[in-house]
Amino acid sequence: MFRAEVRVELRPGVTDPEGANTKKTLELLGFGGVKAVKSVKSFTVDLEAANESAAREQVEEMARRLLSNPVIHTTKITLSKA
């Protein structure tokens, strides 16, 4: 049994309206010094696989097919035994 943490971020140069709105609101609430806010999605996937390599392969396919859009997102996958 493995646990995968999949972090999905927008690629540099891709507009992040959610991050921009959050930054603006933080400033309106009086939080000075906020230079940037980025929105990030995180998924935790528990799965059974024969070994770590097979688990990583499955999770990479999940990320490509559903969890992210490879054109605009980068993904970081961290695997551990569950």
N, C-alpha and C. Protein backbone atom coordinates (compact mmCIF):
# COMPACT_ATOMS: atom_id res chain seq x y z
N MET A 1 0.85 -1.17 0.00
CA MET A 1 0.00 0.00 0.00
C MET A 1 0.90 1.24 0.00
N PHE A 2 0.57 2.18 -0.86
CA PHE A 2 1.34 3.41 -0.99
C PHE A 2 0.41 4.62 -0.85
N ARG A 3 0.99 5.72 -0.41
CA ARG A 3 0.29 6.99 -0.36
C ARG A 3 1.06 7.96 -1.24
N ALA A 4 0.34 8.58 -2.16
CA ALA A 4 0.94 9.58 -3.05
C ALA A 4 0.36 10.95 -2.72
N GLU A 5 1.24 11.91 -2.61
CA GLU A 5 0.84 13.31 -2.49
C GLU A 5 1.14 13.94 -3.84
N VAL A 6 0.12 14.48 -4.48
CA VAL A 6 0.27 15.09 -5.80
C VAL A 6 0.00 16.58 -5.65
N ARG A 7 1.03 17.38 -5.91
CA ARG A 7 0.91 18.85 -5.82
C ARG A 7 0.83 19.38 -7.25
N VAL A 8 -0.22 20.15 -7.53
CA VAL A 8 -0.47 20.68 -8.87
C VAL A 8 -0.42 22.20 -8.81
N GLU A 9 0.51 22.78 -9.59
CA GLU A 9 0.68 24.23 -9.65
C GLU A 9 0.59 24.72 -11.08
N LEU A 10 0.23 25.98 -11.23
CA LEU A 10 0.24 26.59 -12.57
C LEU A 10 1.69 26.81 -13.00
N ARG A 11 1.94 26.63 -14.27
CA ARG A 11 3.28 26.88 -14.82
C ARG A 11 3.58 28.38 -14.76
N PRO A 12 4.86 28.75 -14.69
CA PRO A 12 5.21 30.17 -14.73
C PRO A 12 4.65 30.82 -15.99
N GLY A 13 4.10 32.00 -15.82
CA GLY A 13 3.54 32.73 -16.95
C GLY A 13 2.06 32.50 -17.17
N VAL A 14 1.48 31.48 -16.52
CA VAL A 14 0.05 31.23 -16.64
C VAL A 14 -0.67 32.10 -15.59
N THR A 15 -1.68 32.82 -16.03
CA THR A 15 -2.43 33.71 -15.13
C THR A 15 -3.11 32.91 -14.03
N ASP A 16 -3.01 33.44 -12.81
CA ASP A 16 -3.61 32.80 -11.63
C ASP A 16 -4.61 33.78 -10.99
N PRO A 17 -5.84 33.86 -11.53
CA PRO A 17 -6.80 34.82 -10.99
C PRO A 17 -7.16 34.58 -9.53
N GLU A 18 -7.20 33.32 -9.11
CA GLU A 18 -7.52 33.03 -7.71
C GLU A 18 -6.42 33.57 -6.79
N GLY A 19 -5.17 33.36 -7.16
CA GLY A 19 -4.06 33.89 -6.38
C GLY A 19 -4.07 35.40 -6.35
N ALA A 20 -4.33 36.04 -7.50
CA ALA A 20 -4.36 37.50 -7.58
C ALA A 20 -5.47 38.08 -6.72
N ASN A 21 -6.66 37.47 -6.76
CA ASN A 21 -7.77 37.94 -5.93
C ASN A 21 -7.48 37.77 -4.45
N THR A 22 -6.85 36.67 -4.09
CA THR A 22 -6.51 36.44 -2.69
C THR A 22 -5.49 37.47 -2.22
N LYS A 23 -4.49 37.75 -3.04
CA LYS A 23 -3.49 38.77 -2.69
C LYS A 23 -4.16 40.12 -2.48
N LYS A 24 -5.03 40.51 -3.40
CA LYS A 24 -5.73 41.79 -3.30
C LYS A 24 -6.56 41.87 -2.02
N THR A 25 -7.26 40.80 -1.70
CA THR A 25 -8.10 40.78 -0.50
C THR A 25 -7.24 40.84 0.77
N LEU A 26 -6.12 40.13 0.79
CA LEU A 26 -5.22 40.21 1.94
C LEU A 26 -4.74 41.65 2.16
N GLU A 27 -4.41 42.33 1.07
CA GLU A 27 -3.98 43.73 1.16
C GLU A 27 -5.11 44.61 1.69
N LEU A 28 -6.35 44.38 1.21
CA LEU A 28 -7.49 45.15 1.68
C LEU A 28 -7.77 44.90 3.17
N LEU A 29 -7.43 43.71 3.64
CA LEU A 29 -7.61 43.38 5.05
C LEU A 29 -6.47 43.92 5.92
N GLY A 30 -5.52 44.60 5.30
CA GLY A 30 -4.46 45.22 6.07
C GLY A 30 -3.18 44.42 6.19
N PHE A 31 -3.06 43.33 5.47
CA PHE A 31 -1.83 42.53 5.52
C PHE A 31 -0.83 43.12 4.52
N GLY A 32 0.10 43.90 5.03
CA GLY A 32 1.09 44.54 4.17
C GLY A 32 2.23 43.59 3.87
N GLY A 33 2.96 43.90 2.83
CA GLY A 33 4.15 43.12 2.51
C GLY A 33 3.89 41.84 1.75
N VAL A 34 2.65 41.56 1.38
CA VAL A 34 2.37 40.34 0.61
C VAL A 34 2.84 40.59 -0.83
N LYS A 35 3.84 39.85 -1.25
CA LYS A 35 4.42 40.04 -2.58
C LYS A 35 3.71 39.22 -3.66
N ALA A 36 3.26 38.02 -3.31
CA ALA A 36 2.59 37.16 -4.29
C ALA A 36 1.80 36.08 -3.55
N VAL A 37 0.74 35.63 -4.18
CA VAL A 37 -0.05 34.50 -3.69
C VAL A 37 -0.29 33.59 -4.88
N LYS A 38 -0.01 32.30 -4.71
CA LYS A 38 -0.25 31.31 -5.77
C LYS A 38 -1.26 30.29 -5.27
N SER A 39 -2.18 29.93 -6.14
CA SER A 39 -3.10 28.85 -5.79
C SER A 39 -2.45 27.52 -6.17
N VAL A 40 -2.63 26.53 -5.30
CA VAL A 40 -2.05 25.20 -5.49
C VAL A 40 -3.10 24.18 -5.11
N LYS A 41 -3.20 23.11 -5.88
CA LYS A 41 -4.08 21.99 -5.53
C LYS A 41 -3.21 20.85 -5.02
N SER A 42 -3.75 20.13 -4.05
CA SER A 42 -3.03 18.98 -3.51
C SER A 42 -4.01 17.80 -3.42
N PHE A 43 -3.56 16.65 -3.89
CA PHE A 43 -4.35 15.43 -3.84
C PHE A 43 -3.58 14.37 -3.07
N THR A 44 -4.27 13.63 -2.23
CA THR A 44 -3.69 12.48 -1.55
C THR A 44 -4.37 11.23 -2.12
N VAL A 45 -3.56 10.32 -2.64
CA VAL A 45 -4.10 9.11 -3.26
C VAL A 45 -3.48 7.91 -2.56
N ASP A 46 -4.32 7.06 -1.98
CA ASP A 46 -3.86 5.79 -1.41
C ASP A 46 -4.12 4.71 -2.44
N LEU A 47 -3.10 3.91 -2.73
CA LEU A 47 -3.28 2.88 -3.74
C LEU A 47 -2.43 1.66 -3.44
N GLU A 48 -2.88 0.54 -3.97
CA GLU A 48 -2.12 -0.70 -3.87
C GLU A 48 -1.35 -0.88 -5.17
N ALA A 49 -0.10 -1.29 -5.03
CA ALA A 49 0.75 -1.55 -6.19
C ALA A 49 1.81 -2.55 -5.77
N ALA A 50 2.36 -3.25 -6.76
CA ALA A 50 3.37 -4.28 -6.49
C ALA A 50 4.63 -3.69 -5.88
N ASN A 51 4.99 -2.48 -6.32
CA ASN A 51 6.22 -1.85 -5.80
C ASN A 51 6.12 -0.34 -6.03
N GLU A 52 7.14 0.38 -5.55
CA GLU A 52 7.13 1.84 -5.65
C GLU A 52 7.13 2.32 -7.10
N SER A 53 7.86 1.64 -7.94
CA SER A 53 7.93 2.02 -9.35
C SER A 53 6.55 1.91 -10.01
N ALA A 54 5.84 0.83 -9.74
CA ALA A 54 4.51 0.64 -10.31
C ALA A 54 3.53 1.68 -9.75
N ALA A 55 3.66 1.98 -8.47
CA ALA A 55 2.80 2.99 -7.86
C ALA A 55 3.04 4.35 -8.49
N ARG A 56 4.31 4.73 -8.67
CA ARG A 56 4.65 6.02 -9.28
C ARG A 56 4.10 6.11 -10.70
N GLU A 57 4.24 5.02 -11.44
CA GLU A 57 3.73 5.00 -12.82
C GLU A 57 2.23 5.24 -12.85
N GLN A 58 1.49 4.58 -11.94
CA GLN A 58 0.04 4.76 -11.89
C GLN A 58 -0.33 6.20 -11.54
N VAL A 59 0.35 6.75 -10.55
CA VAL A 59 0.02 8.11 -10.11
C VAL A 59 0.38 9.13 -11.18
N GLU A 60 1.49 8.94 -11.88
CA GLU A 60 1.85 9.84 -12.98
C GLU A 60 0.77 9.82 -14.06
N GLU A 61 0.24 8.64 -14.35
CA GLU A 61 -0.84 8.52 -15.34
C GLU A 61 -2.11 9.21 -14.84
N MET A 62 -2.41 9.07 -13.56
CA MET A 62 -3.58 9.76 -12.97
C MET A 62 -3.43 11.27 -13.13
N ALA A 63 -2.23 11.76 -12.85
CA ALA A 63 -1.97 13.19 -12.95
C ALA A 63 -2.13 13.67 -14.39
N ARG A 64 -1.61 12.91 -15.33
CA ARG A 64 -1.71 13.29 -16.75
C ARG A 64 -3.15 13.27 -17.25
N ARG A 65 -3.91 12.26 -16.82
CA ARG A 65 -5.24 12.06 -17.38
C ARG A 65 -6.36 12.80 -16.65
N LEU A 66 -6.17 13.12 -15.37
CA LEU A 66 -7.27 13.71 -14.62
C LEU A 66 -6.87 14.84 -13.68
N LEU A 67 -5.83 14.66 -12.91
CA LEU A 67 -5.54 15.59 -11.83
C LEU A 67 -4.95 16.92 -12.29
N SER A 68 -4.37 16.95 -13.48
CA SER A 68 -3.76 18.19 -13.97
C SER A 68 -3.90 18.28 -15.48
N ASN A 69 -3.61 19.46 -15.97
CA ASN A 69 -3.53 19.69 -17.41
C ASN A 69 -2.06 19.96 -17.71
N PRO A 70 -1.35 19.02 -18.32
CA PRO A 70 0.09 19.18 -18.54
C PRO A 70 0.48 20.43 -19.32
N VAL A 71 -0.45 21.03 -20.05
CA VAL A 71 -0.15 22.23 -20.81
C VAL A 71 0.05 23.43 -19.88
N ILE A 72 -0.76 23.52 -18.80
CA ILE A 72 -0.69 24.69 -17.93
C ILE A 72 -0.22 24.38 -16.51
N HIS A 73 -0.11 23.10 -16.16
CA HIS A 73 0.27 22.74 -14.79
C HIS A 73 1.60 22.01 -14.73
N THR A 74 2.25 22.14 -13.58
CA THR A 74 3.36 21.26 -13.21
C THR A 74 2.88 20.41 -12.05
N THR A 75 3.40 19.21 -11.97
CA THR A 75 3.02 18.34 -10.86
C THR A 75 4.26 17.85 -10.13
N LYS A 76 4.11 17.66 -8.84
CA LYS A 76 5.17 17.08 -8.02
C LYS A 76 4.53 15.93 -7.26
N ILE A 77 5.09 14.75 -7.41
CA ILE A 77 4.55 13.55 -6.77
C ILE A 77 5.53 13.07 -5.71
N THR A 78 5.00 12.87 -4.51
CA THR A 78 5.78 12.32 -3.40
C THR A 78 5.12 11.02 -2.97
N LEU A 79 5.89 9.93 -2.98
CA LEU A 79 5.36 8.62 -2.61
C LEU A 79 5.92 8.18 -1.27
N SER A 80 5.07 7.50 -0.50
CA SER A 80 5.51 6.88 0.74
C SER A 80 4.70 5.61 0.96
N LYS A 81 5.22 4.74 1.80
CA LYS A 81 4.45 3.53 2.16
C LYS A 81 3.36 3.94 3.14
N ALA A 82 2.16 3.43 2.88
CA ALA A 82 1.02 3.77 3.75
C ALA A 82 0.86 2.73 4.84
